[in-house]
Each structure stands twice: as structure tokens, then as C-alpha cells.
PDB file of N, CA and C in Angstrom:
ATOM      1  N   UNK A   1       0.850  -1.189   0.000  1.00  0.00           N
ATOM      2  CA  UNK A   1       0.000   0.000   0.000  1.00  0.00           C
ATOM      3  C   UNK A   1       0.888   1.243   0.000  1.00  0.00           C
ATOM      4  N   UNK A   2       0.627   2.182  -0.889  1.00  0.00           N
ATOM      5  CA  UNK A   2       1.477   3.377  -0.983  1.00  0.00           C
ATOM      6  C   UNK A   2       1.529   4.211   0.288  1.00  0.00           C
ATOM      7  N   UNK A   3       0.440   4.298   1.008  1.00  0.00           N
ATOM      8  CA  UNK A   3       0.393   5.100   2.231  1.00  0.00           C
ATOM      9  C   UNK A   3       0.176   4.161   3.413  1.00  0.00           C
ATOM     10  N   UNK A   4       1.215   3.466   3.833  1.00  0.00           N
ATOM     11  CA  UNK A   4       1.066   2.404   4.826  1.00  0.00           C
ATOM     12  C   UNK A   4       0.531   2.886   6.168  1.00  0.00           C
ATOM     13  N   UNK A   5       0.704   4.142   6.509  1.00  0.00           N
ATOM     14  CA  UNK A   5       0.183   4.636   7.786  1.00  0.00           C
ATOM     15  C   UNK A   5      -1.231   5.213   7.657  1.00  0.00           C
ATOM     16  N   UNK A   6      -1.752   5.266   6.454  1.00  0.00           N
ATOM     17  CA  UNK A   6      -3.093   5.798   6.196  1.00  0.00           C
ATOM     18  C   UNK A   6      -4.106   4.680   6.414  1.00  0.00           C
ATOM     19  N   UNK A   7      -4.857   4.744   7.511  1.00  0.00           N
ATOM     20  CA  UNK A   7      -5.821   3.703   7.839  1.00  0.00           C
ATOM     21  C   UNK A   7      -7.219   4.295   7.942  1.00  0.00           C
ATOM     22  N   UNK A   8      -8.200   3.536   7.485  1.00  0.00           N
ATOM     23  CA  UNK A   8      -9.595   3.956   7.544  1.00  0.00           C
ATOM     24  C   UNK A   8     -10.456   2.887   8.216  1.00  0.00           C
ATOM     25  N   UNK A   9      -9.871   2.138   9.122  1.00  0.00           N
ATOM     26  CA  UNK A   9     -10.614   1.109   9.830  1.00  0.00           C
ATOM     27  C   UNK A   9     -11.831   1.724  10.522  1.00  0.00           C
ATOM     28  N   UNK A  10     -12.952   1.010  10.470  1.00  0.00           N
ATOM     29  CA  UNK A  10     -14.209   1.452  11.089  1.00  0.00           C
ATOM     30  C   UNK A  10     -14.774   2.731  10.474  1.00  0.00           C
ATOM     31  N   UNK A  11     -14.376   3.037   9.249  1.00  0.00           N
ATOM     32  CA  UNK A  11     -14.904   4.196   8.522  1.00  0.00           C
ATOM     33  C   UNK A  11     -15.650   3.704   7.293  1.00  0.00           C
ATOM     34  N   UNK A  12     -16.517   4.553   6.758  1.00  0.00           N
ATOM     35  CA  UNK A  12     -17.241   4.254   5.531  1.00  0.00           C
ATOM     36  C   UNK A  12     -16.867   5.314   4.506  1.00  0.00           C
ATOM     37  N   UNK A  13     -16.506   4.863   3.310  1.00  0.00           N
ATOM     38  CA  UNK A  13     -16.158   5.777   2.227  1.00  0.00           C
ATOM     39  C   UNK A  13     -17.209   5.671   1.129  1.00  0.00           C
ATOM     40  N   UNK A  14     -17.640   6.794   0.617  1.00  0.00           N
ATOM     41  CA  UNK A  14     -18.576   6.845  -0.498  1.00  0.00           C
ATOM     42  C   UNK A  14     -17.816   7.398  -1.699  1.00  0.00           C
ATOM     43  N   UNK A  15     -17.697   6.591  -2.744  1.00  0.00           N
ATOM     44  CA  UNK A  15     -16.943   6.986  -3.933  1.00  0.00           C
ATOM     45  C   UNK A  15     -17.896   7.062  -5.114  1.00  0.00           C
ATOM     46  N   UNK A  16     -18.041   8.244  -5.690  1.00  0.00           N
ATOM     47  CA  UNK A  16     -18.889   8.398  -6.873  1.00  0.00           C
ATOM     48  C   UNK A  16     -18.030   8.194  -8.117  1.00  0.00           C
ATOM     49  N   UNK A  17     -18.640   7.679  -9.156  1.00  0.00           N
ATOM     50  CA  UNK A  17     -17.893   7.427 -10.390  1.00  0.00           C
ATOM     51  C   UNK A  17     -16.827   6.369 -10.209  1.00  0.00           C
ATOM     52  N   UNK A  18     -17.116   5.387  -9.369  1.00  0.00           N
ATOM     53  CA  UNK A  18     -16.111   4.390  -9.012  1.00  0.00           C
ATOM     54  C   UNK A  18     -16.113   3.139  -9.857  1.00  0.00           C
ATOM     55  N   UNK A  19     -16.683   3.193 -11.038  1.00  0.00           N
ATOM     56  CA  UNK A  19     -16.745   1.985 -11.866  1.00  0.00           C
ATOM     57  C   UNK A  19     -15.523   1.793 -12.761  1.00  0.00           C
ATOM     58  N   UNK A  20     -14.645   2.816 -12.831  1.00  0.00           N
ATOM     59  CA  UNK A  20     -13.431   2.693 -13.656  1.00  0.00           C
ATOM     60  C   UNK A  20     -12.491   3.851 -13.348  1.00  0.00           C
ATOM     61  N   UNK A  21     -11.318   3.815 -13.894  1.00  0.00           N
ATOM     62  CA  UNK A  21     -10.365   4.909 -13.825  1.00  0.00           C
ATOM     63  C   UNK A  21     -10.011   5.364 -12.420  1.00  0.00           C
ATOM     64  N   UNK A  22      -9.947   6.672 -12.243  1.00  0.00           N
ATOM     65  CA  UNK A  22      -9.534   7.260 -10.972  1.00  0.00           C
ATOM     66  C   UNK A  22     -10.498   6.887  -9.855  1.00  0.00           C
ATOM     67  N   UNK A  23     -11.794   6.908 -10.118  1.00  0.00           N
ATOM     68  CA  UNK A  23     -12.771   6.558  -9.081  1.00  0.00           C
ATOM     69  C   UNK A  23     -12.582   5.148  -8.564  1.00  0.00           C
ATOM     70  N   UNK A  24     -12.356   4.201  -9.459  1.00  0.00           N
ATOM     71  CA  UNK A  24     -12.137   2.814  -9.052  1.00  0.00           C
ATOM     72  C   UNK A  24     -10.825   2.683  -8.284  1.00  0.00           C
ATOM     73  N   UNK A  25      -9.795   3.375  -8.717  1.00  0.00           N
ATOM     74  CA  UNK A  25      -8.507   3.335  -8.013  1.00  0.00           C
ATOM     75  C   UNK A  25      -8.640   3.895  -6.593  1.00  0.00           C
ATOM     76  N   UNK A  26      -9.403   4.945  -6.433  1.00  0.00           N
ATOM     77  CA  UNK A  26      -9.634   5.517  -5.106  1.00  0.00           C
ATOM     78  C   UNK A  26     -10.389   4.522  -4.232  1.00  0.00           C
ATOM     79  N   UNK A  27     -11.429   3.900  -4.790  1.00  0.00           N
ATOM     80  CA  UNK A  27     -12.192   2.901  -4.038  1.00  0.00           C
ATOM     81  C   UNK A  27     -11.291   1.746  -3.602  1.00  0.00           C
ATOM     82  N   UNK A  28     -10.404   1.305  -4.482  1.00  0.00           N
ATOM     83  CA  UNK A  28      -9.473   0.225  -4.149  1.00  0.00           C
ATOM     84  C   UNK A  28      -8.548   0.624  -3.006  1.00  0.00           C
ATOM     85  N   UNK A  29      -8.012   1.836  -3.052  1.00  0.00           N
ATOM     86  CA  UNK A  29      -7.127   2.308  -1.976  1.00  0.00           C
ATOM     87  C   UNK A  29      -7.871   2.431  -0.652  1.00  0.00           C
ATOM     88  N   UNK A  30      -9.094   2.936  -0.681  1.00  0.00           N
ATOM     89  CA  UNK A  30      -9.877   3.034   0.542  1.00  0.00           C
ATOM     90  C   UNK A  30     -10.128   1.656   1.139  1.00  0.00           C
ATOM     91  N   UNK A  31     -10.457   0.678   0.290  1.00  0.00           N
ATOM     92  CA  UNK A  31     -10.678  -0.682   0.774  1.00  0.00           C
ATOM     93  C   UNK A  31      -9.394  -1.256   1.372  1.00  0.00           C
ATOM     94  N   UNK A  32      -8.265  -1.036   0.717  1.00  0.00           N
ATOM     95  CA  UNK A  32      -6.974  -1.492   1.246  1.00  0.00           C
ATOM     96  C   UNK A  32      -6.668  -0.854   2.590  1.00  0.00           C
ATOM     97  N   UNK A  33      -7.133   0.378   2.778  1.00  0.00           N
ATOM     98  CA  UNK A  33      -6.883   1.093   4.033  1.00  0.00           C
ATOM     99  C   UNK A  33      -7.851   0.677   5.129  1.00  0.00           C
ATOM    100  N   UNK A  34      -8.765  -0.247   4.832  1.00  0.00           N
ATOM    101  CA  UNK A  34      -9.646  -0.786   5.854  1.00  0.00           C
ATOM    102  C   UNK A  34     -11.055  -0.245   5.897  1.00  0.00           C
ATOM    103  N   UNK A  35     -11.402   0.653   4.990  1.00  0.00           N
ATOM    104  CA  UNK A  35     -12.749   1.229   4.988  1.00  0.00           C
ATOM    105  C   UNK A  35     -13.757   0.268   4.377  1.00  0.00           C
ATOM    106  N   UNK A  36     -14.996   0.407   4.794  1.00  0.00           N
ATOM    107  CA  UNK A  36     -16.103  -0.191   4.067  1.00  0.00           C
ATOM    108  C   UNK A  36     -16.410   0.814   2.965  1.00  0.00           C
ATOM    109  N   UNK A  37     -16.548   0.342   1.740  1.00  0.00           N
ATOM    110  CA  UNK A  37     -16.648   1.246   0.602  1.00  0.00           C
ATOM    111  C   UNK A  37     -17.981   1.067  -0.122  1.00  0.00           C
ATOM    112  N   UNK A  38     -18.660   2.175  -0.354  1.00  0.00           N
ATOM    113  CA  UNK A  38     -19.866   2.207  -1.176  1.00  0.00           C
ATOM    114  C   UNK A  38     -19.476   2.909  -2.467  1.00  0.00           C
ATOM    115  N   UNK A  39     -19.528   2.183  -3.564  1.00  0.00           N
ATOM    116  CA  UNK A  39     -19.191   2.721  -4.874  1.00  0.00           C
ATOM    117  C   UNK A  39     -20.496   3.042  -5.598  1.00  0.00           C
ATOM    118  N   UNK A  40     -20.556   4.213  -6.189  1.00  0.00           N
ATOM    119  CA  UNK A  40     -21.719   4.573  -6.994  1.00  0.00           C
ATOM    120  C   UNK A  40     -21.255   4.905  -8.404  1.00  0.00           C
ATOM    121  N   UNK A  41     -22.114   4.571  -9.354  1.00  0.00           N
ATOM    122  CA  UNK A  41     -21.845   4.898 -10.749  1.00  0.00           C
ATOM    123  C   UNK A  41     -23.124   4.665 -11.539  1.00  0.00           C
ATOM    124  N   UNK A  42     -23.116   5.129 -12.775  1.00  0.00           N
ATOM    125  CA  UNK A  42     -24.289   4.935 -13.632  1.00  0.00           C
ATOM    126  C   UNK A  42     -24.322   3.539 -14.233  1.00  0.00           C
ATOM    127  N   UNK A  43     -23.165   2.859 -14.244  1.00  0.00           N
ATOM    128  CA  UNK A  43     -23.116   1.515 -14.822  1.00  0.00           C
ATOM    129  C   UNK A  43     -22.101   0.658 -14.060  1.00  0.00           C
ATOM    130  N   UNK A  44     -22.275  -0.640 -14.201  1.00  0.00           N
ATOM    131  CA  UNK A  44     -21.378  -1.594 -13.563  1.00  0.00           C
ATOM    132  C   UNK A  44     -20.466  -2.173 -14.650  1.00  0.00           C
ATOM    133  N   UNK A  45     -19.173  -1.928 -14.544  1.00  0.00           N
ATOM    134  CA  UNK A  45     -18.209  -2.379 -15.545  1.00  0.00           C
ATOM    135  C   UNK A  45     -17.597  -3.716 -15.118  1.00  0.00           C
ATOM    136  N   UNK A  46     -16.941  -4.414 -16.045  1.00  0.00           N
ATOM    137  CA  UNK A  46     -16.251  -5.648 -15.665  1.00  0.00           C
ATOM    138  C   UNK A  46     -15.206  -5.424 -14.558  1.00  0.00           C
ATOM    139  N   UNK A  47     -14.496  -4.307 -14.610  1.00  0.00           N
ATOM    140  CA  UNK A  47     -13.493  -4.019 -13.580  1.00  0.00           C
ATOM    141  C   UNK A  47     -14.159  -3.832 -12.215  1.00  0.00           C
ATOM    142  N   UNK A  48     -15.286  -3.159 -12.189  1.00  0.00           N
ATOM    143  CA  UNK A  48     -16.010  -2.972 -10.936  1.00  0.00           C
ATOM    144  C   UNK A  48     -16.544  -4.303 -10.428  1.00  0.00           C
ATOM    145  N   UNK A  49     -17.097  -5.126 -11.325  1.00  0.00           N
ATOM    146  CA  UNK A  49     -17.597  -6.445 -10.922  1.00  0.00           C
ATOM    147  C   UNK A  49     -16.493  -7.278 -10.290  1.00  0.00           C
ATOM    148  N   UNK A  50     -15.295  -7.235 -10.858  1.00  0.00           N
ATOM    149  CA  UNK A  50     -14.166  -7.984 -10.308  1.00  0.00           C
ATOM    150  C   UNK A  50     -13.780  -7.452  -8.929  1.00  0.00           C
ATOM    151  N   UNK A  51     -13.789  -6.146  -8.765  1.00  0.00           N
ATOM    152  CA  UNK A  51     -13.469  -5.521  -7.477  1.00  0.00           C
ATOM    153  C   UNK A  51     -14.497  -5.909  -6.419  1.00  0.00           C
ATOM    154  N   UNK A  52     -15.773  -5.885  -6.788  1.00  0.00           N
ATOM    155  CA  UNK A  52     -16.829  -6.286  -5.857  1.00  0.00           C
ATOM    156  C   UNK A  52     -16.675  -7.750  -5.455  1.00  0.00           C
ATOM    157  N   UNK A  53     -16.384  -8.606  -6.426  1.00  0.00           N
ATOM    158  CA  UNK A  53     -16.234 -10.038  -6.156  1.00  0.00           C
ATOM    159  C   UNK A  53     -15.037 -10.324  -5.249  1.00  0.00           C
ATOM    160  N   UNK A  54     -13.996  -9.518  -5.379  1.00  0.00           N
ATOM    161  CA  UNK A  54     -12.785  -9.709  -4.570  1.00  0.00           C
ATOM    162  C   UNK A  54     -12.935  -9.162  -3.156  1.00  0.00           C
ATOM    163  N   UNK A  55     -13.987  -8.385  -2.906  1.00  0.00           N
ATOM    164  CA  UNK A  55     -14.168  -7.735  -1.600  1.00  0.00           C
ATOM    165  C   UNK A  55     -15.591  -7.902  -1.085  1.00  0.00           C
ATOM    166  N   UNK A  56     -16.075  -9.137  -0.976  1.00  0.00           N
ATOM    167  CA  UNK A  56     -17.461  -9.328  -0.520  1.00  0.00           C
ATOM    168  C   UNK A  56     -17.645  -8.841   0.919  1.00  0.00           C
ATOM    169  N   UNK A  57     -18.758  -8.170   1.135  1.00  0.00           N
ATOM    170  CA  UNK A  57     -19.060  -7.690   2.477  1.00  0.00           C
ATOM    171  C   UNK A  57     -18.364  -6.393   2.852  1.00  0.00           C
ATOM    172  N   UNK A  58     -17.362  -6.004   2.085  1.00  0.00           N
ATOM    173  CA  UNK A  58     -16.609  -4.782   2.385  1.00  0.00           C
ATOM    174  C   UNK A  58     -16.905  -3.686   1.375  1.00  0.00           C
ATOM    175  N   UNK A  59     -17.115  -4.083   0.127  1.00  0.00           N
ATOM    176  CA  UNK A  59     -17.368  -3.134  -0.949  1.00  0.00           C
ATOM    177  C   UNK A  59     -18.752  -3.401  -1.524  1.00  0.00           C
ATOM    178  N   UNK A  60     -19.517  -2.336  -1.686  1.00  0.00           N
ATOM    179  CA  UNK A  60     -20.876  -2.443  -2.222  1.00  0.00           C
ATOM    180  C   UNK A  60     -21.035  -1.430  -3.352  1.00  0.00           C
ATOM    181  N   UNK A  61     -21.979  -1.702  -4.240  1.00  0.00           N
ATOM    182  CA  UNK A  61     -22.232  -0.818  -5.372  1.00  0.00           C
ATOM    183  C   UNK A  61     -23.707  -0.463  -5.431  1.00  0.00           C
ATOM    184  N   UNK A  62     -23.974   0.777  -5.768  1.00  0.00           N
ATOM    185  CA  UNK A  62     -25.341   1.214  -6.014  1.00  0.00           C
ATOM    186  C   UNK A  62     -25.341   2.024  -7.309  1.00  0.00           C
ATOM    187  N   UNK A  63     -26.323   1.735  -8.148  1.00  0.00           N
ATOM    188  CA  UNK A  63     -26.455   2.483  -9.390  1.00  0.00           C
ATOM    189  C   UNK A  63     -27.025   3.857  -9.051  1.00  0.00           C
ATOM    190  N   UNK A  64     -26.284   4.897  -9.414  1.00  0.00           N
ATOM    191  CA  UNK A  64     -26.724   6.257  -9.126  1.00  0.00           C
ATOM    192  C   UNK A  64     -26.069   7.222 -10.107  1.00  0.00           C
ATOM    193  N   UNK A  65     -26.782   8.260 -10.432  1.00  0.00           N
ATOM    194  CA  UNK A  65     -26.302   9.313 -11.319  1.00  0.00           C
ATOM    195  C   UNK A  65     -26.262  10.606 -10.514  1.00  0.00           C
ATOM    196  N   UNK A  66     -25.073  11.124 -10.261  1.00  0.00           N
ATOM    197  CA  UNK A  66     -24.954  12.311  -9.411  1.00  0.00           C
ATOM    198  C   UNK A  66     -25.556  13.567 -10.038  1.00  0.00           C
ATOM    199  N   UNK A  67     -25.906  13.508 -11.314  1.00  0.00           N
ATOM    200  CA  UNK A  67     -26.583  14.662 -11.907  1.00  0.00           C
ATOM    201  C   UNK A  67     -28.059  14.706 -11.541  1.00  0.00           C
ATOM    202  N   UNK A  68     -28.560  13.611 -10.957  1.00  0.00           N
ATOM    203  CA  UNK A  68     -29.938  13.558 -10.453  1.00  0.00           C
ATOM    204  C   UNK A  68     -29.935  14.205  -9.066  1.00  0.00           C
ATOM    205  N   UNK A  69     -30.738  15.225  -8.865  1.00  0.00           N
ATOM    206  CA  UNK A  69     -30.698  15.965  -7.593  1.00  0.00           C
ATOM    207  C   UNK A  69     -31.088  15.118  -6.381  1.00  0.00           C
ATOM    208  N   UNK A  70     -31.811  14.021  -6.577  1.00  0.00           N
ATOM    209  CA  UNK A  70     -32.167  13.139  -5.467  1.00  0.00           C
ATOM    210  C   UNK A  70     -31.106  12.080  -5.181  1.00  0.00           C
ATOM    211  N   UNK A  71     -30.133  11.923  -6.059  1.00  0.00           N
ATOM    212  CA  UNK A  71     -29.127  10.866  -5.923  1.00  0.00           C
ATOM    213  C   UNK A  71     -28.306  10.961  -4.637  1.00  0.00           C
ATOM    214  N   UNK A  72     -27.802  12.121  -4.237  1.00  0.00           N
ATOM    215  CA  UNK A  72     -26.990  12.167  -3.024  1.00  0.00           C
ATOM    216  C   UNK A  72     -27.718  11.623  -1.790  1.00  0.00           C
ATOM    217  N   UNK A  73     -28.967  11.989  -1.617  1.00  0.00           N
ATOM    218  CA  UNK A  73     -29.721  11.508  -0.466  1.00  0.00           C
ATOM    219  C   UNK A  73     -29.909   9.990  -0.546  1.00  0.00           C
ATOM    220  N   UNK A  74     -30.191   9.484  -1.730  1.00  0.00           N
ATOM    221  CA  UNK A  74     -30.347   8.043  -1.928  1.00  0.00           C
ATOM    222  C   UNK A  74     -29.043   7.319  -1.613  1.00  0.00           C
ATOM    223  N   UNK A  75     -27.928   7.849  -2.051  1.00  0.00           N
ATOM    224  CA  UNK A  75     -26.628   7.217  -1.813  1.00  0.00           C
ATOM    225  C   UNK A  75     -26.309   7.132  -0.327  1.00  0.00           C
ATOM    226  N   UNK A  76     -26.583   8.169   0.400  1.00  0.00           N
ATOM    227  CA  UNK A  76     -26.261   8.192   1.836  1.00  0.00           C
ATOM    228  C   UNK A  76     -27.141   7.229   2.612  1.00  0.00           C
ATOM    229  N   UNK A  77     -28.419   7.107   2.208  1.00  0.00           N
ATOM    230  CA  UNK A  77     -29.317   6.160   2.873  1.00  0.00           C
ATOM    231  C   UNK A  77     -28.793   4.758   2.685  1.00  0.00           C
TER     232      UNK A  77
END
């Protein structure tokens, strides 16, 4: 882990746009740091599916579009 002293044990991280690229990389780092991670995106990609499968019970995904004004409240619930 690049930041070995960076720990997020007992924390929850919400990552938007986490189905690929930078968002997915951030979600992966948060999970490595011990956080429970909620990933949101408009679609589920093969890379995201693999990440979810590798982290059962720790990483979750919800389909959400942050351009929808009701999405933030739905994501937090």
C-alpha cells in the first residue's frame, strides 16, 4: 500500500464514479486502508464487478447518477 500509515478502519467511504479509472482506483485504496466502501456509478463495468467479487461484504455498489438531484440523499441512505 502506498500510504502504509493511512488507515480507515471502522470508517465508511462513499466513492462516486467508481466503476473505472480514478474513481475505481480511489475505491481500491480506501478498501486497502480498511474502509467499508460504497461505490456509486451509472453503470457496472467488468473491472467494478471484479473488485466487488474480490471484496465481498466490504465493498458495495449502487447504481446512481450524481446529476440527479435526489441521488446524493439516496446514496447516503
